């Protein structure tokens, strides 16, 4: 049975940021005796996609497109979850950010073997440091500060191979049923929203219990 969580995301989504932080926490929880629950022993597979492309293909839209809903989410709901998870979440005054180059960069980072560091750095820059990551200078400075090769990443992100790969990844997400971010899969089970992570963990626990020899 699968022990992998596939995480479909766009770094411009604050809910994807929260899900990213929480999934990392859930990989390494410990109880009072220092034992790790078996369900926490899962791998996290990042699946970059362009959320704007997903919205266009599915007819969905950002919650902030509805003023009352957007205000509630940004002012109340997301801060509550940030406090629950014990993570920092700061409103970014540049939101919404055009993430086309950033998500191309995520695929470039996969190719160069530094995806986790890249994703952490960009999420932090947007949702902790509130930087304008639509500005190429800010992006380069962020990547350099994280110890990444900004020039190599940004050059690869402009290649036709990576541009096509992001289109293909977004189309594949839509074909799989994804309509927004974050979306998680455990096997064929789909879970939408960072507030559905309890169900993700239940699915992982069920996969543990279904393994031969599990007691």
C-alpha atoms as a PDB file:
ATOM      1  CA  UNK A   1       0.000   0.000   0.000  1.00  0.00           C
ATOM      2  CA  UNK A   2       1.117   3.557  -0.697  1.00  0.00           C
ATOM      3  CA  UNK A   3       2.972   5.570   1.928  1.00  0.00           C
ATOM      4  CA  UNK A   4       3.266   8.682  -0.219  1.00  0.00           C
ATOM      5  CA  UNK A   5       1.373  11.963  -0.097  1.00  0.00           C
ATOM      6  CA  UNK A   6       1.305  13.724  -3.450  1.00  0.00           C
ATOM      7  CA  UNK A   7       1.047  17.442  -2.820  1.00  0.00           C
ATOM      8  CA  UNK A   8      -0.302  19.592  -5.658  1.00  0.00           C
ATOM      9  CA  UNK A   9       0.510  23.216  -4.959  1.00  0.00           C
ATOM     10  CA  UNK A  10       1.244  26.720  -6.147  1.00  0.00           C
ATOM     11  CA  UNK A  11       3.440  28.902  -3.928  1.00  0.00           C
ATOM     12  CA  UNK A  12       1.068  31.842  -4.377  1.00  0.00           C
ATOM     13  CA  UNK A  13      -1.589  30.112  -2.292  1.00  0.00           C
ATOM     14  CA  UNK A  14      -1.561  30.827   1.456  1.00  0.00           C
ATOM     15  CA  UNK A  15      -3.494  27.633   2.111  1.00  0.00           C
ATOM     16  CA  UNK A  16      -0.863  25.672   0.168  1.00  0.00           C
ATOM     17  CA  UNK A  17       1.776  27.291   2.373  1.00  0.00           C
ATOM     18  CA  UNK A  18      -0.046  26.143   5.505  1.00  0.00           C
ATOM     19  CA  UNK A  19      -0.477  22.637   4.109  1.00  0.00           C
ATOM     20  CA  UNK A  20       3.209  22.477   3.225  1.00  0.00           C
ATOM     21  CA  UNK A  21       4.247  23.469   6.739  1.00  0.00           C
ATOM     22  CA  UNK A  22       1.788  21.109   8.380  1.00  0.00           C
ATOM     23  CA  UNK A  23       2.731  18.131   6.216  1.00  0.00           C
ATOM     24  CA  UNK A  24       6.360  18.597   7.210  1.00  0.00           C
ATOM     25  CA  UNK A  25       5.281  18.633  10.857  1.00  0.00           C
ATOM     26  CA  UNK A  26       3.202  15.488  10.430  1.00  0.00           C
ATOM     27  CA  UNK A  27       6.166  13.612   9.035  1.00  0.00           C
ATOM     28  CA  UNK A  28       7.983  13.958  12.356  1.00  0.00           C
ATOM     29  CA  UNK A  29       5.490  14.044  15.247  1.00  0.00           C
ATOM     30  CA  UNK A  30       6.406  12.447  18.551  1.00  0.00           C
ATOM     31  CA  UNK A  31       4.231  11.588  21.500  1.00  0.00           C
ATOM     32  CA  UNK A  32       5.224  12.064  25.115  1.00  0.00           C
ATOM     33  CA  UNK A  33       7.257   8.852  25.018  1.00  0.00           C
ATOM     34  CA  UNK A  34       9.145   9.972  21.939  1.00  0.00           C
ATOM     35  CA  UNK A  35       7.560   7.389  19.638  1.00  0.00           C
ATOM     36  CA  UNK A  36       6.612   8.293  16.101  1.00  0.00           C
ATOM     37  CA  UNK A  37       3.169   7.115  14.923  1.00  0.00           C
ATOM     38  CA  UNK A  38       3.481   4.681  12.030  1.00  0.00           C
ATOM     39  CA  UNK A  39       1.292   6.838   9.792  1.00  0.00           C
ATOM     40  CA  UNK A  40       3.846   9.651  10.109  1.00  0.00           C
ATOM     41  CA  UNK A  41       6.367   7.567   8.196  1.00  0.00           C
ATOM     42  CA  UNK A  42       5.374   8.797   4.748  1.00  0.00           C
ATOM     43  CA  UNK A  43       7.153  10.415   1.838  1.00  0.00           C
ATOM     44  CA  UNK A  44       6.041  13.770   0.461  1.00  0.00           C
ATOM     45  CA  UNK A  45       5.953  14.156  -3.316  1.00  0.00           C
ATOM     46  CA  UNK A  46       5.662  17.767  -4.444  1.00  0.00           C
ATOM     47  CA  UNK A  47       3.596  18.274  -7.574  1.00  0.00           C
ATOM     48  CA  UNK A  48       4.074  21.850  -8.877  1.00  0.00           C
ATOM     49  CA  UNK A  49       1.278  23.265 -11.009  1.00  0.00           C
ATOM     50  CA  UNK A  50       0.107  26.694 -12.121  1.00  0.00           C
ATOM     51  CA  UNK A  51      -2.986  27.526 -10.110  1.00  0.00           C
ATOM     52  CA  UNK A  52      -4.149  30.139 -12.617  1.00  0.00           C
ATOM     53  CA  UNK A  53      -4.122  27.473 -15.296  1.00  0.00           C
ATOM     54  CA  UNK A  54      -6.100  25.111 -13.068  1.00  0.00           C
ATOM     55  CA  UNK A  55      -8.688  27.822 -12.397  1.00  0.00           C
ATOM     56  CA  UNK A  56      -9.022  28.579 -16.095  1.00  0.00           C
ATOM     57  CA  UNK A  57      -9.436  24.922 -17.014  1.00  0.00           C
ATOM     58  CA  UNK A  58     -11.974  24.140 -14.283  1.00  0.00           C
ATOM     59  CA  UNK A  59     -13.933  27.394 -14.064  1.00  0.00           C
ATOM     60  CA  UNK A  60     -12.837  27.830 -10.455  1.00  0.00           C
ATOM     61  CA  UNK A  61     -11.602  31.084  -8.940  1.00  0.00           C
ATOM     62  CA  UNK A  62      -9.645  32.311  -5.944  1.00  0.00           C
ATOM     63  CA  UNK A  63     -11.651  32.807  -2.721  1.00  0.00           C
ATOM     64  CA  UNK A  64     -10.469  36.424  -2.659  1.00  0.00           C
ATOM     65  CA  UNK A  65     -12.523  37.011  -5.802  1.00  0.00           C
ATOM     66  CA  UNK A  66     -15.498  37.117  -3.420  1.00  0.00           C
ATOM     67  CA  UNK A  67     -14.706  40.103  -1.160  1.00  0.00           C
ATOM     68  CA  UNK A  68     -16.503  38.916   1.966  1.00  0.00           C
ATOM     69  CA  UNK A  69     -15.086  35.402   1.676  1.00  0.00           C
ATOM     70  CA  UNK A  70     -11.597  36.683   0.971  1.00  0.00           C
ATOM     71  CA  UNK A  71     -11.661  39.041   3.940  1.00  0.00           C
ATOM     72  CA  UNK A  72     -12.849  36.276   6.266  1.00  0.00           C
ATOM     73  CA  UNK A  73     -10.239  33.833   5.023  1.00  0.00           C
ATOM     74  CA  UNK A  74      -7.297  36.232   5.198  1.00  0.00           C
ATOM     75  CA  UNK A  75      -8.247  38.005   8.421  1.00  0.00           C
ATOM     76  CA  UNK A  76      -9.668  35.151  10.478  1.00  0.00           C
ATOM     77  CA  UNK A  77      -9.567  31.605   9.110  1.00  0.00           C
ATOM     78  CA  UNK A  78      -5.954  31.367   7.968  1.00  0.00           C
ATOM     79  CA  UNK A  79      -4.526  33.101  11.061  1.00  0.00           C
ATOM     80  CA  UNK A  80      -6.428  30.606  13.224  1.00  0.00           C
ATOM     81  CA  UNK A  81      -4.827  27.668  11.448  1.00  0.00           C
ATOM     82  CA  UNK A  82      -1.405  29.307  11.582  1.00  0.00           C
ATOM     83  CA  UNK A  83      -1.758  29.618  15.364  1.00  0.00           C
ATOM     84  CA  UNK A  84      -2.941  26.010  15.624  1.00  0.00           C
ATOM     85  CA  UNK A  85       0.062  24.772  13.653  1.00  0.00           C
ATOM     86  CA  UNK A  86       2.467  27.115  15.430  1.00  0.00           C
ATOM     87  CA  UNK A  87       3.748  28.671  12.200  1.00  0.00           C
ATOM     88  CA  UNK A  88       4.159  32.252  11.031  1.00  0.00           C
ATOM     89  CA  UNK A  89       1.801  33.529   8.350  1.00  0.00           C
ATOM     90  CA  UNK A  90       1.986  37.166   7.297  1.00  0.00           C
ATOM     91  CA  UNK A  91      -0.296  38.774   4.767  1.00  0.00           C
ATOM     92  CA  UNK A  92       1.658  39.630   1.637  1.00  0.00           C
ATOM     93  CA  UNK A  93       0.826  43.139   0.391  1.00  0.00           C
ATOM     94  CA  UNK A  94       1.778  42.046  -3.149  1.00  0.00           C
ATOM     95  CA  UNK A  95      -0.877  39.297  -3.177  1.00  0.00           C
ATOM     96  CA  UNK A  96      -2.016  37.973  -5.582  1.00  0.00           C
ATOM     97  CA  UNK A  97       1.387  37.278  -7.098  1.00  0.00           C
ATOM     98  CA  UNK A  98       1.901  36.070 -10.655  1.00  0.00           C
ATOM     99  CA  UNK A  99       3.614  32.768  -9.910  1.00  0.00           C
ATOM    100  CA  UNK A 100       4.343  31.628 -13.460  1.00  0.00           C
ATOM    101  CA  UNK A 101       8.112  32.097 -13.131  1.00  0.00           C
ATOM    102  CA  UNK A 102       8.156  30.739  -9.580  1.00  0.00           C
ATOM    103  CA  UNK A 103       6.381  27.528 -10.535  1.00  0.00           C
ATOM    104  CA  UNK A 104       8.641  27.094 -13.537  1.00  0.00           C
ATOM    105  CA  UNK A 105      11.446  27.534 -11.025  1.00  0.00           C
ATOM    106  CA  UNK A 106      10.023  24.733  -8.892  1.00  0.00           C
ATOM    107  CA  UNK A 107      10.294  22.352 -11.836  1.00  0.00           C
ATOM    108  CA  UNK A 108      13.784  23.631 -12.608  1.00  0.00           C
ATOM    109  CA  UNK A 109      14.698  22.947  -8.977  1.00  0.00           C
ATOM    110  CA  UNK A 110      13.440  19.365  -9.347  1.00  0.00           C
ATOM    111  CA  UNK A 111      15.774  18.908 -12.296  1.00  0.00           C
ATOM    112  CA  UNK A 112      18.715  20.318 -10.339  1.00  0.00           C
ATOM    113  CA  UNK A 113      17.942  18.244  -7.245  1.00  0.00           C
ATOM    114  CA  UNK A 114      17.113  21.111  -4.901  1.00  0.00           C
ATOM    115  CA  UNK A 115      13.314  21.161  -4.984  1.00  0.00           C
ATOM    116  CA  UNK A 116      12.707  20.959  -1.226  1.00  0.00           C
ATOM    117  CA  UNK A 117      15.079  23.826  -0.463  1.00  0.00           C
ATOM    118  CA  UNK A 118      13.646  25.915  -3.293  1.00  0.00           C
ATOM    119  CA  UNK A 119      10.044  25.369  -2.224  1.00  0.00           C
ATOM    120  CA  UNK A 120      10.815  26.155   1.422  1.00  0.00           C
ATOM    121  CA  UNK A 121      12.663  29.332   0.472  1.00  0.00           C
ATOM    122  CA  UNK A 122       9.957  30.649  -1.849  1.00  0.00           C
ATOM    123  CA  UNK A 123       7.081  29.835   0.512  1.00  0.00           C
ATOM    124  CA  UNK A 124       8.930  31.585   3.357  1.00  0.00           C
ATOM    125  CA  UNK A 125       9.703  34.621   1.206  1.00  0.00           C
ATOM    126  CA  UNK A 126       6.057  35.076   0.266  1.00  0.00           C
ATOM    127  CA  UNK A 127       4.196  34.100   3.436  1.00  0.00           C
ATOM    128  CA  UNK A 128       6.654  34.957   6.199  1.00  0.00           C
ATOM    129  CA  UNK A 129       8.848  37.746   4.836  1.00  0.00           C
ATOM    130  CA  UNK A 130       6.091  39.197   2.607  1.00  0.00           C
ATOM    131  CA  UNK A 131       8.547  39.819  -0.215  1.00  0.00           C
ATOM    132  CA  UNK A 132       7.499  40.794  -3.729  1.00  0.00           C
ATOM    133  CA  UNK A 133       8.300  37.526  -5.439  1.00  0.00           C
ATOM    134  CA  UNK A 134       6.890  38.820  -8.684  1.00  0.00           C
ATOM    135  CA  UNK A 135      10.096  40.852  -8.916  1.00  0.00           C
ATOM    136  CA  UNK A 136      12.994  38.973 -10.504  1.00  0.00           C
ATOM    137  CA  UNK A 137      15.558  40.798  -8.366  1.00  0.00           C
ATOM    138  CA  UNK A 138      13.771  39.737  -5.189  1.00  0.00           C
ATOM    139  CA  UNK A 139      13.547  36.165  -6.429  1.00  0.00           C
ATOM    140  CA  UNK A 140      17.260  35.984  -7.190  1.00  0.00           C
ATOM    141  CA  UNK A 141      18.156  37.499  -3.818  1.00  0.00           C
ATOM    142  CA  UNK A 142      15.880  35.015  -2.021  1.00  0.00           C
ATOM    143  CA  UNK A 143      17.391  32.011  -3.777  1.00  0.00           C
ATOM    144  CA  UNK A 144      20.956  33.180  -3.240  1.00  0.00           C
ATOM    145  CA  UNK A 145      20.270  33.762   0.461  1.00  0.00           C
ATOM    146  CA  UNK A 146      18.967  30.182   0.725  1.00  0.00           C
ATOM    147  CA  UNK A 147      22.230  28.852  -0.657  1.00  0.00           C
ATOM    148  CA  UNK A 148      20.792  28.033  -4.071  1.00  0.00           C
ATOM    149  CA  UNK A 149      22.285  28.803  -7.468  1.00  0.00           C
ATOM    150  CA  UNK A 150      19.823  31.497  -8.493  1.00  0.00           C
ATOM    151  CA  UNK A 151      21.356  32.043 -11.915  1.00  0.00           C
ATOM    152  CA  UNK A 152      21.225  28.364 -12.846  1.00  0.00           C
ATOM    153  CA  UNK A 153      17.655  27.988 -11.588  1.00  0.00           C
ATOM    154  CA  UNK A 154      16.334  31.095 -13.308  1.00  0.00           C
ATOM    155  CA  UNK A 155      18.051  30.255 -16.591  1.00  0.00           C
ATOM    156  CA  UNK A 156      16.685  26.708 -16.575  1.00  0.00           C
ATOM    157  CA  UNK A 157      13.216  28.024 -15.692  1.00  0.00           C
ATOM    158  CA  UNK A 158      13.243  29.952 -18.976  1.00  0.00           C
ATOM    159  CA  UNK A 159      14.010  26.886 -21.062  1.00  0.00           C
ATOM    160  CA  UNK A 160      11.374  25.517 -23.402  1.00  0.00           C
ATOM    161  CA  UNK A 161      11.657  22.148 -21.694  1.00  0.00           C
ATOM    162  CA  UNK A 162      10.630  23.564 -18.318  1.00  0.00           C
ATOM    163  CA  UNK A 163       7.949  25.820 -19.794  1.00  0.00           C
ATOM    164  CA  UNK A 164       6.374  22.820 -21.500  1.00  0.00           C
ATOM    165  CA  UNK A 165       6.769  20.704 -18.365  1.00  0.00           C
ATOM    166  CA  UNK A 166       4.726  23.183 -16.310  1.00  0.00           C
ATOM    167  CA  UNK A 167       1.950  23.197 -18.900  1.00  0.00           C
ATOM    168  CA  UNK A 168       1.950  19.405 -18.922  1.00  0.00           C
ATOM    169  CA  UNK A 169       2.004  19.201 -15.102  1.00  0.00           C
ATOM    170  CA  UNK A 170      -0.936  21.576 -14.846  1.00  0.00           C
ATOM    171  CA  UNK A 171      -2.910  19.694 -17.485  1.00  0.00           C
ATOM    172  CA  UNK A 172      -2.166  16.401 -15.710  1.00  0.00           C
ATOM    173  CA  UNK A 173      -3.394  17.830 -12.413  1.00  0.00           C
ATOM    174  CA  UNK A 174      -6.668  18.920 -14.000  1.00  0.00           C
ATOM    175  CA  UNK A 175      -7.058  15.530 -15.681  1.00  0.00           C
ATOM    176  CA  UNK A 176      -6.688  13.904 -12.276  1.00  0.00           C
ATOM    177  CA  UNK A 177      -9.532  15.997 -10.851  1.00  0.00           C
ATOM    178  CA  UNK A 178      -7.601  18.840  -9.231  1.00  0.00           C
ATOM    179  CA  UNK A 179      -9.510  22.133  -9.177  1.00  0.00           C
ATOM    180  CA  UNK A 180      -7.554  24.155  -6.605  1.00  0.00           C
ATOM    181  CA  UNK A 181      -4.642  24.236  -4.202  1.00  0.00           C
ATOM    182  CA  UNK A 182      -3.622  22.578  -2.060  1.00  0.00           C
ATOM    183  CA  UNK A 183      -4.735  19.154  -3.217  1.00  0.00           C
ATOM    184  CA  UNK A 184      -3.320  15.943  -1.791  1.00  0.00           C
ATOM    185  CA  UNK A 185      -3.511  12.370  -3.006  1.00  0.00           C
ATOM    186  CA  UNK A 186      -2.910   9.188  -1.057  1.00  0.00           C
ATOM    187  CA  UNK A 187      -3.050   6.572  -3.762  1.00  0.00           C
ATOM    188  CA  UNK A 188      -6.234   7.328  -5.694  1.00  0.00           C
ATOM    189  CA  UNK A 189      -7.887   9.200  -2.822  1.00  0.00           C
ATOM    190  CA  UNK A 190      -8.037  12.963  -3.328  1.00  0.00           C
ATOM    191  CA  UNK A 191      -8.210  15.536  -0.530  1.00  0.00           C
ATOM    192  CA  UNK A 192      -8.675  19.247  -1.177  1.00  0.00           C
ATOM    193  CA  UNK A 193      -7.728  21.955   1.287  1.00  0.00           C
ATOM    194  CA  UNK A 194      -5.227  22.319   4.107  1.00  0.00           C
ATOM    195  CA  UNK A 195      -8.072  21.744   6.574  1.00  0.00           C
ATOM    196  CA  UNK A 196      -8.468  18.158   5.272  1.00  0.00           C
ATOM    197  CA  UNK A 197      -5.112  16.886   6.495  1.00  0.00           C
ATOM    198  CA  UNK A 198      -6.750  14.800   9.222  1.00  0.00           C
ATOM    199  CA  UNK A 199      -8.305  12.729   6.442  1.00  0.00           C
ATOM    200  CA  UNK A 200      -4.928  12.449   4.729  1.00  0.00           C
ATOM    201  CA  UNK A 201      -3.455  11.004   7.923  1.00  0.00           C
ATOM    202  CA  UNK A 202      -6.408   8.620   8.266  1.00  0.00           C
ATOM    203  CA  UNK A 203      -5.762   7.368   4.737  1.00  0.00           C
ATOM    204  CA  UNK A 204      -2.095   6.836   5.563  1.00  0.00           C
ATOM    205  CA  UNK A 205      -2.992   5.012   8.762  1.00  0.00           C
ATOM    206  CA  UNK A 206      -5.359   2.760   6.817  1.00  0.00           C
ATOM    207  CA  UNK A 207      -2.559   1.966   4.379  1.00  0.00           C
ATOM    208  CA  UNK A 208      -0.335   0.979   7.319  1.00  0.00           C
ATOM    209  CA  UNK A 209      -2.979  -1.303   8.814  1.00  0.00           C
ATOM    210  CA  UNK A 210      -3.600  -2.949   5.439  1.00  0.00           C
ATOM    211  CA  UNK A 211       0.000  -4.027   5.071  1.00  0.00           C
ATOM    212  CA  UNK A 212       0.671  -7.764   5.490  1.00  0.00           C
ATOM    213  CA  UNK A 213       1.981  -8.635   8.923  1.00  0.00           C
ATOM    214  CA  UNK A 214       0.793  -5.386  10.528  1.00  0.00           C
ATOM    215  CA  UNK A 215      -0.331  -5.839  14.110  1.00  0.00           C
END
